């Protein structure tokens, strides 16, 4: 059955590549959200195999998900990109502001996590922010919850957090006793009051995903929030860092086609290709983020499955950020975050 589905998709792709003139794109641009090993996972799992299958050249780029930049491109009708990876909150906002093209082809949704396939895009991965720590700093009792992160008496040491209100407000509320199922709408004042307690112990507000790993490895900090994929990418080299899925927060990234792309059909076929379970499985094994196509797990070794955010046990222990709330409140929260940090 897998072989039949694969052949059907290949036929769709090749027929599209040899169809009418509007389909005869010889080059598209694919823009990933984030560089390093994450961008390389796109190149190895999606871009190079698609080029080999179709003969279409792909220009792989990286951006930092600056929503205003994409919006300006579309509004000025100067769109050099064909496929772009955006955050979940940006996907919601972009649909409402008519920034994306409808896909001309969609994958079968039967094996996808609910809500990860849409006429304006297909989700790529769930990436997760976890509580991570240096095991040498805690030889006896190990921190495993955000209450532990806030408990400087029983878990003394230097801390770090991501320099962004998204996620940190949720962690503060969980540390203050709010269940992960009752977070939204966020109690903003309560969250910032709780952040006041931990602020004196935050030595680094990190901005790049490589920082937490480096900070833990060189003992600059003892505990930090971190992206699970960055720890996964260390592989056997990781001897000092452990992390907890308890109260971890997962977010979606989406493949979209910006309105104004000149290669909508070819871009749609690339997105469908990147959504095949074996392709998503290959990416997961490179970067450690959770595939949204559940069939992908049949292609992933047992030794890796349990390290992924969409593996059932990890999924149950963590929660998914409410991107609708953040799409409506992110600008306001960022202003307050900057003001709070400056005090």
C-alpha atoms as a PDB file:
ATOM      1  CA  UNK A   1       0.000   0.000   0.000  1.00  0.00           C
ATOM      2  CA  UNK A   2       2.827   2.429   0.845  1.00  0.00           C
ATOM      3  CA  UNK A   3       4.398   1.684  -2.518  1.00  0.00           C
ATOM      4  CA  UNK A   4       1.131   2.341  -4.362  1.00  0.00           C
ATOM      5  CA  UNK A   5       0.587   5.660  -2.588  1.00  0.00           C
ATOM      6  CA  UNK A   6       4.162   6.693  -3.337  1.00  0.00           C
ATOM      7  CA  UNK A   7       3.787   5.841  -7.031  1.00  0.00           C
ATOM      8  CA  UNK A   8       0.499   7.767  -7.189  1.00  0.00           C
ATOM      9  CA  UNK A   9       2.196  10.869  -5.776  1.00  0.00           C
ATOM     10  CA  UNK A  10       5.127  10.513  -8.165  1.00  0.00           C
ATOM     11  CA  UNK A  11       2.704  10.310 -11.106  1.00  0.00           C
ATOM     12  CA  UNK A  12       0.937  13.465  -9.886  1.00  0.00           C
ATOM     13  CA  UNK A  13       4.237  15.308  -9.612  1.00  0.00           C
ATOM     14  CA  UNK A  14       5.582  14.209 -12.963  1.00  0.00           C
ATOM     15  CA  UNK A  15       2.309  14.841 -14.787  1.00  0.00           C
ATOM     16  CA  UNK A  16       2.297  18.344 -13.290  1.00  0.00           C
ATOM     17  CA  UNK A  17       5.854  18.954 -14.392  1.00  0.00           C
ATOM     18  CA  UNK A  18       5.022  17.996 -17.970  1.00  0.00           C
ATOM     19  CA  UNK A  19       1.601  19.611 -18.232  1.00  0.00           C
ATOM     20  CA  UNK A  20       0.569  22.987 -19.643  1.00  0.00           C
ATOM     21  CA  UNK A  21       2.762  26.030 -19.886  1.00  0.00           C
ATOM     22  CA  UNK A  22       1.790  27.382 -16.446  1.00  0.00           C
ATOM     23  CA  UNK A  23       3.217  24.210 -14.927  1.00  0.00           C
ATOM     24  CA  UNK A  24       6.602  24.416 -16.624  1.00  0.00           C
ATOM     25  CA  UNK A  25       8.473  26.150 -13.820  1.00  0.00           C
ATOM     26  CA  UNK A  26      12.146  25.279 -13.965  1.00  0.00           C
ATOM     27  CA  UNK A  27      13.044  26.910 -10.654  1.00  0.00           C
ATOM     28  CA  UNK A  28      11.368  27.725  -7.355  1.00  0.00           C
ATOM     29  CA  UNK A  29      12.571  29.347  -4.150  1.00  0.00           C
ATOM     30  CA  UNK A  30      11.930  27.573  -0.816  1.00  0.00           C
ATOM     31  CA  UNK A  31      12.452  29.607   2.363  1.00  0.00           C
ATOM     32  CA  UNK A  32      12.976  27.846   5.709  1.00  0.00           C
ATOM     33  CA  UNK A  33      12.357  29.365   9.130  1.00  0.00           C
ATOM     34  CA  UNK A  34      15.747  28.939  10.780  1.00  0.00           C
ATOM     35  CA  UNK A  35      19.179  27.877   9.649  1.00  0.00           C
ATOM     36  CA  UNK A  36      21.745  25.330  10.795  1.00  0.00           C
ATOM     37  CA  UNK A  37      20.725  21.710  11.148  1.00  0.00           C
ATOM     38  CA  UNK A  38      17.060  22.610  10.744  1.00  0.00           C
ATOM     39  CA  UNK A  39      17.570  24.164   7.323  1.00  0.00           C
ATOM     40  CA  UNK A  40      19.797  21.254   6.367  1.00  0.00           C
ATOM     41  CA  UNK A  41      16.976  18.865   7.245  1.00  0.00           C
ATOM     42  CA  UNK A  42      14.837  20.576   4.608  1.00  0.00           C
ATOM     43  CA  UNK A  43      17.602  20.311   2.046  1.00  0.00           C
ATOM     44  CA  UNK A  44      18.260  16.623   2.720  1.00  0.00           C
ATOM     45  CA  UNK A  45      14.683  15.423   3.257  1.00  0.00           C
ATOM     46  CA  UNK A  46      12.728  17.555   0.772  1.00  0.00           C
ATOM     47  CA  UNK A  47      14.703  19.781  -1.563  1.00  0.00           C
ATOM     48  CA  UNK A  48      17.348  17.447  -2.970  1.00  0.00           C
ATOM     49  CA  UNK A  49      14.927  14.491  -3.399  1.00  0.00           C
ATOM     50  CA  UNK A  50      12.397  16.765  -5.144  1.00  0.00           C
ATOM     51  CA  UNK A  51      15.052  18.112  -7.494  1.00  0.00           C
ATOM     52  CA  UNK A  52      16.140  14.558  -8.294  1.00  0.00           C
ATOM     53  CA  UNK A  53      12.566  13.424  -8.961  1.00  0.00           C
ATOM     54  CA  UNK A  54      11.378  16.367 -11.052  1.00  0.00           C
ATOM     55  CA  UNK A  55      14.474  18.041 -12.437  1.00  0.00           C
ATOM     56  CA  UNK A  56      13.276  21.370 -11.043  1.00  0.00           C
ATOM     57  CA  UNK A  57      15.943  23.609  -9.535  1.00  0.00           C
ATOM     58  CA  UNK A  58      15.301  24.897  -6.037  1.00  0.00           C
ATOM     59  CA  UNK A  59      16.933  27.910  -4.417  1.00  0.00           C
ATOM     60  CA  UNK A  60      16.963  27.175  -0.648  1.00  0.00           C
ATOM     61  CA  UNK A  61      16.907  30.280   1.554  1.00  0.00           C
ATOM     62  CA  UNK A  62      16.537  31.040   5.260  1.00  0.00           C
ATOM     63  CA  UNK A  63      14.573  33.760   7.034  1.00  0.00           C
ATOM     64  CA  UNK A  64      13.717  34.624  10.655  1.00  0.00           C
ATOM     65  CA  UNK A  65       9.935  34.713  10.182  1.00  0.00           C
ATOM     66  CA  UNK A  66       9.697  38.503  10.037  1.00  0.00           C
ATOM     67  CA  UNK A  67       5.990  38.788   9.280  1.00  0.00           C
ATOM     68  CA  UNK A  68       6.204  42.441   8.271  1.00  0.00           C
ATOM     69  CA  UNK A  69       8.774  41.611   5.623  1.00  0.00           C
ATOM     70  CA  UNK A  70       6.517  39.033   3.987  1.00  0.00           C
ATOM     71  CA  UNK A  71       3.483  41.291   4.204  1.00  0.00           C
ATOM     72  CA  UNK A  72       5.367  44.152   2.538  1.00  0.00           C
ATOM     73  CA  UNK A  73       6.481  41.871  -0.291  1.00  0.00           C
ATOM     74  CA  UNK A  74       2.911  40.790  -0.997  1.00  0.00           C
ATOM     75  CA  UNK A  75       1.376  44.244  -0.707  1.00  0.00           C
ATOM     76  CA  UNK A  76       4.038  45.741  -3.001  1.00  0.00           C
ATOM     77  CA  UNK A  77       3.595  42.855  -5.465  1.00  0.00           C
ATOM     78  CA  UNK A  78       7.300  42.124  -5.252  1.00  0.00           C
ATOM     79  CA  UNK A  79       7.325  38.431  -4.287  1.00  0.00           C
ATOM     80  CA  UNK A  80      10.542  36.548  -5.138  1.00  0.00           C
ATOM     81  CA  UNK A  81       9.627  33.511  -3.005  1.00  0.00           C
ATOM     82  CA  UNK A  82       7.450  30.519  -3.887  1.00  0.00           C
ATOM     83  CA  UNK A  83       7.320  28.409  -0.705  1.00  0.00           C
ATOM     84  CA  UNK A  84       7.802  29.944   2.740  1.00  0.00           C
ATOM     85  CA  UNK A  85       7.765  28.407   6.210  1.00  0.00           C
ATOM     86  CA  UNK A  86       5.790  30.492   8.721  1.00  0.00           C
ATOM     87  CA  UNK A  87       4.785  30.094  12.355  1.00  0.00           C
ATOM     88  CA  UNK A  88       1.296  28.989  13.331  1.00  0.00           C
ATOM     89  CA  UNK A  89       0.338  32.451  14.568  1.00  0.00           C
ATOM     90  CA  UNK A  90       1.594  33.946  11.298  1.00  0.00           C
ATOM     91  CA  UNK A  91      -0.375  31.369   9.344  1.00  0.00           C
ATOM     92  CA  UNK A  92      -3.592  32.402  11.094  1.00  0.00           C
ATOM     93  CA  UNK A  93      -2.890  36.096  10.667  1.00  0.00           C
ATOM     94  CA  UNK A  94      -1.701  35.709   7.077  1.00  0.00           C
ATOM     95  CA  UNK A  95      -4.895  33.930   6.049  1.00  0.00           C
ATOM     96  CA  UNK A  96      -6.985  36.719   7.534  1.00  0.00           C
ATOM     97  CA  UNK A  97      -4.907  39.336   5.703  1.00  0.00           C
ATOM     98  CA  UNK A  98      -4.965  37.478   2.371  1.00  0.00           C
ATOM     99  CA  UNK A  99      -1.209  36.963   2.162  1.00  0.00           C
ATOM    100  CA  UNK A 100      -1.270  33.388   0.866  1.00  0.00           C
ATOM    101  CA  UNK A 101      -2.294  31.582  -2.299  1.00  0.00           C
ATOM    102  CA  UNK A 102      -4.603  28.573  -2.221  1.00  0.00           C
ATOM    103  CA  UNK A 103      -2.733  25.358  -2.922  1.00  0.00           C
ATOM    104  CA  UNK A 104      -3.679  23.671  -6.185  1.00  0.00           C
ATOM    105  CA  UNK A 105      -2.930  20.228  -4.716  1.00  0.00           C
ATOM    106  CA  UNK A 106      -3.338  18.873  -1.184  1.00  0.00           C
ATOM    107  CA  UNK A 107      -2.227  15.645   0.518  1.00  0.00           C
ATOM    108  CA  UNK A 108      -4.729  13.113   1.800  1.00  0.00           C
ATOM    109  CA  UNK A 109      -5.544  14.285   5.337  1.00  0.00           C
ATOM    110  CA  UNK A 110      -6.482  10.896   6.775  1.00  0.00           C
ATOM    111  CA  UNK A 111      -3.175  10.291   8.564  1.00  0.00           C
ATOM    112  CA  UNK A 112      -2.410  13.878   9.570  1.00  0.00           C
ATOM    113  CA  UNK A 113      -2.869  15.320  13.040  1.00  0.00           C
ATOM    114  CA  UNK A 114      -6.144  17.223  13.063  1.00  0.00           C
ATOM    115  CA  UNK A 115      -5.869  20.787  11.813  1.00  0.00           C
ATOM    116  CA  UNK A 116      -2.505  20.460  10.084  1.00  0.00           C
ATOM    117  CA  UNK A 117      -3.744  20.522   6.464  1.00  0.00           C
ATOM    118  CA  UNK A 118      -5.481  23.580   5.065  1.00  0.00           C
ATOM    119  CA  UNK A 119      -6.292  24.936   1.625  1.00  0.00           C
ATOM    120  CA  UNK A 120      -3.725  27.698   2.259  1.00  0.00           C
ATOM    121  CA  UNK A 121      -0.922  25.521   3.594  1.00  0.00           C
ATOM    122  CA  UNK A 122       0.298  22.272   5.094  1.00  0.00           C
ATOM    123  CA  UNK A 123       2.056  22.045   8.460  1.00  0.00           C
ATOM    124  CA  UNK A 124       5.629  20.808   8.519  1.00  0.00           C
ATOM    125  CA  UNK A 125       6.562  20.001  12.123  1.00  0.00           C
ATOM    126  CA  UNK A 126       5.717  20.499  15.746  1.00  0.00           C
ATOM    127  CA  UNK A 127       8.812  21.965  17.393  1.00  0.00           C
ATOM    128  CA  UNK A 128       8.964  22.084  21.160  1.00  0.00           C
ATOM    129  CA  UNK A 129      10.447  24.257  23.890  1.00  0.00           C
ATOM    130  CA  UNK A 130      11.482  22.161  26.885  1.00  0.00           C
ATOM    131  CA  UNK A 131      13.090  22.624  30.281  1.00  0.00           C
ATOM    132  CA  UNK A 132      16.748  21.567  29.930  1.00  0.00           C
ATOM    133  CA  UNK A 133      19.530  21.337  32.500  1.00  0.00           C
ATOM    134  CA  UNK A 134      23.131  20.303  33.033  1.00  0.00           C
ATOM    135  CA  UNK A 135      23.076  16.925  34.795  1.00  0.00           C
ATOM    136  CA  UNK A 136      26.269  17.760  36.700  1.00  0.00           C
ATOM    137  CA  UNK A 137      24.503  20.673  38.383  1.00  0.00           C
ATOM    138  CA  UNK A 138      21.873  18.366  39.849  1.00  0.00           C
ATOM    139  CA  UNK A 139      23.475  15.026  40.772  1.00  0.00           C
ATOM    140  CA  UNK A 140      20.681  14.043  43.143  1.00  0.00           C
ATOM    141  CA  UNK A 141      17.294  15.673  42.622  1.00  0.00           C
ATOM    142  CA  UNK A 142      16.607  16.562  38.990  1.00  0.00           C
ATOM    143  CA  UNK A 143      14.349  19.448  37.896  1.00  0.00           C
ATOM    144  CA  UNK A 144      11.447  18.284  35.731  1.00  0.00           C
ATOM    145  CA  UNK A 145       8.725  20.956  35.917  1.00  0.00           C
ATOM    146  CA  UNK A 146       8.423  24.720  35.567  1.00  0.00           C
ATOM    147  CA  UNK A 147       7.691  24.846  39.291  1.00  0.00           C
ATOM    148  CA  UNK A 148      11.151  23.345  39.731  1.00  0.00           C
ATOM    149  CA  UNK A 149      12.617  25.972  37.400  1.00  0.00           C
ATOM    150  CA  UNK A 150      11.155  28.692  39.629  1.00  0.00           C
ATOM    151  CA  UNK A 151      12.258  26.908  42.831  1.00  0.00           C
ATOM    152  CA  UNK A 152      15.672  28.461  43.398  1.00  0.00           C
ATOM    153  CA  UNK A 153      15.903  27.004  46.901  1.00  0.00           C
ATOM    154  CA  UNK A 154      15.796  23.318  45.952  1.00  0.00           C
ATOM    155  CA  UNK A 155      17.291  23.832  42.498  1.00  0.00           C
ATOM    156  CA  UNK A 156      19.851  26.613  42.891  1.00  0.00           C
ATOM    157  CA  UNK A 157      21.818  27.831  39.915  1.00  0.00           C
ATOM    158  CA  UNK A 158      21.981  30.249  37.037  1.00  0.00           C
ATOM    159  CA  UNK A 159      19.104  30.265  34.572  1.00  0.00           C
ATOM    160  CA  UNK A 160      18.342  31.338  31.008  1.00  0.00           C
ATOM    161  CA  UNK A 161      15.129  31.877  29.041  1.00  0.00           C
ATOM    162  CA  UNK A 162      14.221  32.689  25.463  1.00  0.00           C
ATOM    163  CA  UNK A 163      13.941  36.423  24.839  1.00  0.00           C
ATOM    164  CA  UNK A 164      10.278  36.333  23.841  1.00  0.00           C
ATOM    165  CA  UNK A 165       7.008  36.473  25.787  1.00  0.00           C
ATOM    166  CA  UNK A 166       5.551  33.560  23.795  1.00  0.00           C
ATOM    167  CA  UNK A 167       6.013  30.442  25.861  1.00  0.00           C
ATOM    168  CA  UNK A 168       7.487  32.240  28.858  1.00  0.00           C
ATOM    169  CA  UNK A 169       4.095  33.601  29.914  1.00  0.00           C
ATOM    170  CA  UNK A 170       2.701  30.073  29.789  1.00  0.00           C
ATOM    171  CA  UNK A 171       5.641  28.651  31.741  1.00  0.00           C
ATOM    172  CA  UNK A 172       5.192  31.302  34.432  1.00  0.00           C
ATOM    173  CA  UNK A 173       1.515  30.467  34.832  1.00  0.00           C
ATOM    174  CA  UNK A 174       2.241  26.740  35.032  1.00  0.00           C
ATOM    175  CA  UNK A 175       4.874  27.469  37.681  1.00  0.00           C
ATOM    176  CA  UNK A 176       2.183  29.411  39.543  1.00  0.00           C
ATOM    177  CA  UNK A 177      -0.163  26.433  39.577  1.00  0.00           C
ATOM    178  CA  UNK A 178      -2.270  26.873  36.435  1.00  0.00           C
ATOM    179  CA  UNK A 179      -2.889  23.586  34.621  1.00  0.00           C
ATOM    180  CA  UNK A 180      -1.745  23.354  31.017  1.00  0.00           C
ATOM    181  CA  UNK A 181      -5.362  22.739  29.991  1.00  0.00           C
ATOM    182  CA  UNK A 182      -6.564  25.999  31.601  1.00  0.00           C
ATOM    183  CA  UNK A 183      -3.973  28.487  30.361  1.00  0.00           C
ATOM    184  CA  UNK A 184      -6.004  30.441  27.817  1.00  0.00           C
ATOM    185  CA  UNK A 185      -6.890  33.222  27.735  1.00  0.00           C
ATOM    186  CA  UNK A 186      -3.637  34.021  29.512  1.00  0.00           C
ATOM    187  CA  UNK A 187      -3.804  35.892  32.809  1.00  0.00           C
ATOM    188  CA  UNK A 188      -1.194  38.448  31.780  1.00  0.00           C
ATOM    189  CA  UNK A 189      -0.740  40.248  35.090  1.00  0.00           C
ATOM    190  CA  UNK A 190      -0.393  36.975  36.973  1.00  0.00           C
ATOM    191  CA  UNK A 191       2.183  35.739  34.456  1.00  0.00           C
ATOM    192  CA  UNK A 192       4.327  38.867  34.690  1.00  0.00           C
ATOM    193  CA  UNK A 193       4.105  38.862  38.479  1.00  0.00           C
ATOM    194  CA  UNK A 194       5.445  35.313  38.463  1.00  0.00           C
ATOM    195  CA  UNK A 195       8.170  36.283  36.021  1.00  0.00           C
ATOM    196  CA  UNK A 196       9.193  39.012  38.480  1.00  0.00           C
ATOM    197  CA  UNK A 197      10.170  36.234  40.905  1.00  0.00           C
ATOM    198  CA  UNK A 198      12.573  34.484  38.543  1.00  0.00           C
ATOM    199  CA  UNK A 199      13.923  37.545  36.724  1.00  0.00           C
ATOM    200  CA  UNK A 200      16.886  38.145  39.148  1.00  0.00           C
ATOM    201  CA  UNK A 201      18.129  34.612  38.438  1.00  0.00           C
ATOM    202  CA  UNK A 202      18.013  34.868  34.641  1.00  0.00           C
ATOM    203  CA  UNK A 203      21.598  35.414  33.524  1.00  0.00           C
ATOM    204  CA  UNK A 204      20.960  35.141  29.797  1.00  0.00           C
ATOM    205  CA  UNK A 205      17.981  35.969  27.599  1.00  0.00           C
ATOM    206  CA  UNK A 206      18.887  33.837  24.621  1.00  0.00           C
ATOM    207  CA  UNK A 207      17.959  34.728  21.058  1.00  0.00           C
ATOM    208  CA  UNK A 208      19.376  31.895  18.952  1.00  0.00           C
ATOM    209  CA  UNK A 209      18.527  28.209  19.301  1.00  0.00           C
ATOM    210  CA  UNK A 210      22.178  27.193  19.553  1.00  0.00           C
ATOM    211  CA  UNK A 211      22.728  29.310  22.667  1.00  0.00           C
ATOM    212  CA  UNK A 212      21.002  27.157  25.332  1.00  0.00           C
ATOM    213  CA  UNK A 213      23.039  24.102  24.375  1.00  0.00           C
ATOM    214  CA  UNK A 214      26.285  26.068  24.539  1.00  0.00           C
ATOM    215  CA  UNK A 215      25.297  27.733  27.805  1.00  0.00           C
ATOM    216  CA  UNK A 216      24.608  24.372  29.447  1.00  0.00           C
ATOM    217  CA  UNK A 217      27.687  22.659  28.073  1.00  0.00           C
ATOM    218  CA  UNK A 218      30.091  25.325  29.302  1.00  0.00           C
ATOM    219  CA  UNK A 219      28.224  25.678  32.627  1.00  0.00           C
ATOM    220  CA  UNK A 220      27.369  29.329  32.010  1.00  0.00           C
ATOM    221  CA  UNK A 221      23.890  28.375  33.238  1.00  0.00           C
ATOM    222  CA  UNK A 222      22.452  25.348  35.004  1.00  0.00           C
ATOM    223  CA  UNK A 223      18.872  25.429  33.726  1.00  0.00           C
ATOM    224  CA  UNK A 224      17.284  26.931  30.644  1.00  0.00           C
ATOM    225  CA  UNK A 225      14.447  26.656  28.210  1.00  0.00           C
ATOM    226  CA  UNK A 226      15.611  25.107  24.933  1.00  0.00           C
ATOM    227  CA  UNK A 227      14.335  23.808  21.623  1.00  0.00           C
ATOM    228  CA  UNK A 228      14.300  20.031  21.781  1.00  0.00           C
ATOM    229  CA  UNK A 229      15.661  19.666  18.250  1.00  0.00           C
ATOM    230  CA  UNK A 230      18.849  21.499  19.179  1.00  0.00           C
ATOM    231  CA  UNK A 231      19.509  18.938  21.913  1.00  0.00           C
ATOM    232  CA  UNK A 232      18.558  16.062  19.611  1.00  0.00           C
ATOM    233  CA  UNK A 233      21.057  17.237  17.001  1.00  0.00           C
ATOM    234  CA  UNK A 234      23.904  16.679  19.463  1.00  0.00           C
ATOM    235  CA  UNK A 235      23.326  12.920  19.246  1.00  0.00           C
ATOM    236  CA  UNK A 236      25.977  10.853  20.982  1.00  0.00           C
ATOM    237  CA  UNK A 237      27.928  14.040  21.740  1.00  0.00           C
ATOM    238  CA  UNK A 238      25.290  14.995  24.294  1.00  0.00           C
ATOM    239  CA  UNK A 239      26.683  13.807  27.621  1.00  0.00           C
ATOM    240  CA  UNK A 240      25.757  16.678  29.948  1.00  0.00           C
ATOM    241  CA  UNK A 241      22.251  17.785  28.983  1.00  0.00           C
ATOM    242  CA  UNK A 242      18.901  16.281  29.913  1.00  0.00           C
ATOM    243  CA  UNK A 243      15.443  17.747  29.491  1.00  0.00           C
ATOM    244  CA  UNK A 244      11.831  17.219  30.496  1.00  0.00           C
ATOM    245  CA  UNK A 245       8.684  16.974  28.378  1.00  0.00           C
ATOM    246  CA  UNK A 246       6.573  17.927  31.403  1.00  0.00           C
ATOM    247  CA  UNK A 247       4.868  21.226  30.557  1.00  0.00           C
ATOM    248  CA  UNK A 248       6.816  21.620  27.331  1.00  0.00           C
ATOM    249  CA  UNK A 249       5.149  23.780  24.681  1.00  0.00           C
ATOM    250  CA  UNK A 250       4.851  22.744  21.039  1.00  0.00           C
ATOM    251  CA  UNK A 251       4.263  25.008  18.061  1.00  0.00           C
ATOM    252  CA  UNK A 252       3.502  24.362  14.416  1.00  0.00           C
ATOM    253  CA  UNK A 253       5.345  25.624  11.391  1.00  0.00           C
ATOM    254  CA  UNK A 254       3.538  25.748   8.031  1.00  0.00           C
ATOM    255  CA  UNK A 255       4.508  25.653   4.377  1.00  0.00           C
ATOM    256  CA  UNK A 256       2.650  28.386   2.492  1.00  0.00           C
ATOM    257  CA  UNK A 257       2.769  30.059  -0.921  1.00  0.00           C
ATOM    258  CA  UNK A 258       2.907  33.867  -0.668  1.00  0.00           C
ATOM    259  CA  UNK A 259       0.297  35.643  -2.761  1.00  0.00           C
ATOM    260  CA  UNK A 260       1.967  36.790  -5.936  1.00  0.00           C
ATOM    261  CA  UNK A 261       4.208  33.766  -6.469  1.00  0.00           C
ATOM    262  CA  UNK A 262       4.600  33.020 -10.167  1.00  0.00           C
ATOM    263  CA  UNK A 263       4.944  29.277  -9.560  1.00  0.00           C
ATOM    264  CA  UNK A 264       1.842  28.319  -7.590  1.00  0.00           C
ATOM    265  CA  UNK A 265       1.327  24.862  -9.082  1.00  0.00           C
ATOM    266  CA  UNK A 266       4.957  23.799  -8.796  1.00  0.00           C
ATOM    267  CA  UNK A 267       5.088  25.191  -5.259  1.00  0.00           C
ATOM    268  CA  UNK A 268       1.938  23.238  -4.364  1.00  0.00           C
ATOM    269  CA  UNK A 269       3.467  20.028  -5.650  1.00  0.00           C
ATOM    270  CA  UNK A 270       6.624  20.641  -3.619  1.00  0.00           C
ATOM    271  CA  UNK A 271       4.552  21.090  -0.451  1.00  0.00           C
ATOM    272  CA  UNK A 272       2.647  17.849  -1.102  1.00  0.00           C
ATOM    273  CA  UNK A 273       5.933  16.045  -1.745  1.00  0.00           C
ATOM    274  CA  UNK A 274       7.390  17.372   1.540  1.00  0.00           C
ATOM    275  CA  UNK A 275       4.268  16.106   3.336  1.00  0.00           C
ATOM    276  CA  UNK A 276       4.754  12.455   2.383  1.00  0.00           C
ATOM    277  CA  UNK A 277       5.343  10.273   5.472  1.00  0.00           C
ATOM    278  CA  UNK A 278       8.766   8.968   4.443  1.00  0.00           C
ATOM    279  CA  UNK A 279       9.998  12.503   3.720  1.00  0.00           C
ATOM    280  CA  UNK A 280       8.742  13.785   7.070  1.00  0.00           C
ATOM    281  CA  UNK A 281      10.316  10.758   8.756  1.00  0.00           C
ATOM    282  CA  UNK A 282      13.683  11.577   7.214  1.00  0.00           C
ATOM    283  CA  UNK A 283      13.483  15.144   8.482  1.00  0.00           C
ATOM    284  CA  UNK A 284      12.526  13.952  11.969  1.00  0.00           C
ATOM    285  CA  UNK A 285      15.559  11.685  12.102  1.00  0.00           C
ATOM    286  CA  UNK A 286      17.820  14.592  11.167  1.00  0.00           C
ATOM    287  CA  UNK A 287      16.459  17.321  13.413  1.00  0.00           C
ATOM    288  CA  UNK A 288      14.291  15.670  16.081  1.00  0.00           C
ATOM    289  CA  UNK A 289      11.062  17.644  15.623  1.00  0.00           C
ATOM    290  CA  UNK A 290       7.690  15.936  15.485  1.00  0.00           C
ATOM    291  CA  UNK A 291       6.135  15.045  12.118  1.00  0.00           C
ATOM    292  CA  UNK A 292       2.451  15.895  11.645  1.00  0.00           C
ATOM    293  CA  UNK A 293       1.852  12.929   9.320  1.00  0.00           C
ATOM    294  CA  UNK A 294       1.295  10.097  11.808  1.00  0.00           C
ATOM    295  CA  UNK A 295       2.260   7.447   9.265  1.00  0.00           C
ATOM    296  CA  UNK A 296       5.794   8.862   9.416  1.00  0.00           C
ATOM    297  CA  UNK A 297       6.375   6.920  12.620  1.00  0.00           C
ATOM    298  CA  UNK A 298       6.332   3.652  10.673  1.00  0.00           C
ATOM    299  CA  UNK A 299       9.543   4.830   8.978  1.00  0.00           C
ATOM    300  CA  UNK A 300      11.282   5.966  12.187  1.00  0.00           C
ATOM    301  CA  UNK A 301      13.370   3.623  14.382  1.00  0.00           C
ATOM    302  CA  UNK A 302      12.158   3.000  17.931  1.00  0.00           C
ATOM    303  CA  UNK A 303      15.342   4.575  19.290  1.00  0.00           C
ATOM    304  CA  UNK A 304      14.316   7.932  17.779  1.00  0.00           C
ATOM    305  CA  UNK A 305      10.514   7.895  18.080  1.00  0.00           C
ATOM    306  CA  UNK A 306      10.495   8.547  21.816  1.00  0.00           C
ATOM    307  CA  UNK A 307      12.570  11.702  21.291  1.00  0.00           C
ATOM    308  CA  UNK A 308       9.950  13.398  19.098  1.00  0.00           C
ATOM    309  CA  UNK A 309       7.284  15.841  20.282  1.00  0.00           C
ATOM    310  CA  UNK A 310       4.437  14.034  18.505  1.00  0.00           C
ATOM    311  CA  UNK A 311       5.349  10.678  20.069  1.00  0.00           C
ATOM    312  CA  UNK A 312       2.277   9.925  22.183  1.00  0.00           C
ATOM    313  CA  UNK A 313       3.854  10.004  25.663  1.00  0.00           C
ATOM    314  CA  UNK A 314       5.608  13.300  24.941  1.00  0.00           C
ATOM    315  CA  UNK A 315       2.481  14.708  23.325  1.00  0.00           C
ATOM    316  CA  UNK A 316       0.433  13.894  26.429  1.00  0.00           C
ATOM    317  CA  UNK A 317       2.958  15.519  28.790  1.00  0.00           C
ATOM    318  CA  UNK A 318       3.240  18.747  26.806  1.00  0.00           C
ATOM    319  CA  UNK A 319       0.743  21.220  25.337  1.00  0.00           C
ATOM    320  CA  UNK A 320       0.256  23.112  22.092  1.00  0.00           C
ATOM    321  CA  UNK A 321       0.468  26.890  22.138  1.00  0.00           C
ATOM    322  CA  UNK A 322      -2.778  28.711  21.381  1.00  0.00           C
ATOM    323  CA  UNK A 323      -1.750  30.448  18.196  1.00  0.00           C
ATOM    324  CA  UNK A 324      -5.109  32.156  17.728  1.00  0.00           C
ATOM    325  CA  UNK A 325      -4.637  33.951  21.044  1.00  0.00           C
ATOM    326  CA  UNK A 326      -1.073  34.886  20.109  1.00  0.00           C
ATOM    327  CA  UNK A 327      -1.990  36.072  16.630  1.00  0.00           C
ATOM    328  CA  UNK A 328      -4.347  38.590  18.272  1.00  0.00           C
ATOM    329  CA  UNK A 329      -2.077  39.608  21.155  1.00  0.00           C
ATOM    330  CA  UNK A 330       1.535  39.156  20.065  1.00  0.00           C
ATOM    331  CA  UNK A 331       2.270  42.809  19.266  1.00  0.00           C
ATOM    332  CA  UNK A 332       0.847  44.000  22.583  1.00  0.00           C
ATOM    333  CA  UNK A 333       2.676  41.297  24.523  1.00  0.00           C
ATOM    334  CA  UNK A 334       5.980  42.080  22.841  1.00  0.00           C
ATOM    335  CA  UNK A 335       5.712  45.747  23.802  1.00  0.00           C
ATOM    336  CA  UNK A 336       4.955  44.818  27.398  1.00  0.00           C
ATOM    337  CA  UNK A 337       7.797  42.246  27.380  1.00  0.00           C
ATOM    338  CA  UNK A 338      10.320  44.856  26.288  1.00  0.00           C
ATOM    339  CA  UNK A 339       9.062  47.298  28.936  1.00  0.00           C
ATOM    340  CA  UNK A 340       9.167  44.604  31.627  1.00  0.00           C
ATOM    341  CA  UNK A 341      12.710  43.559  30.768  1.00  0.00           C
ATOM    342  CA  UNK A 342      13.932  47.160  30.873  1.00  0.00           C
ATOM    343  CA  UNK A 343      12.732  47.707  34.455  1.00  0.00           C
END
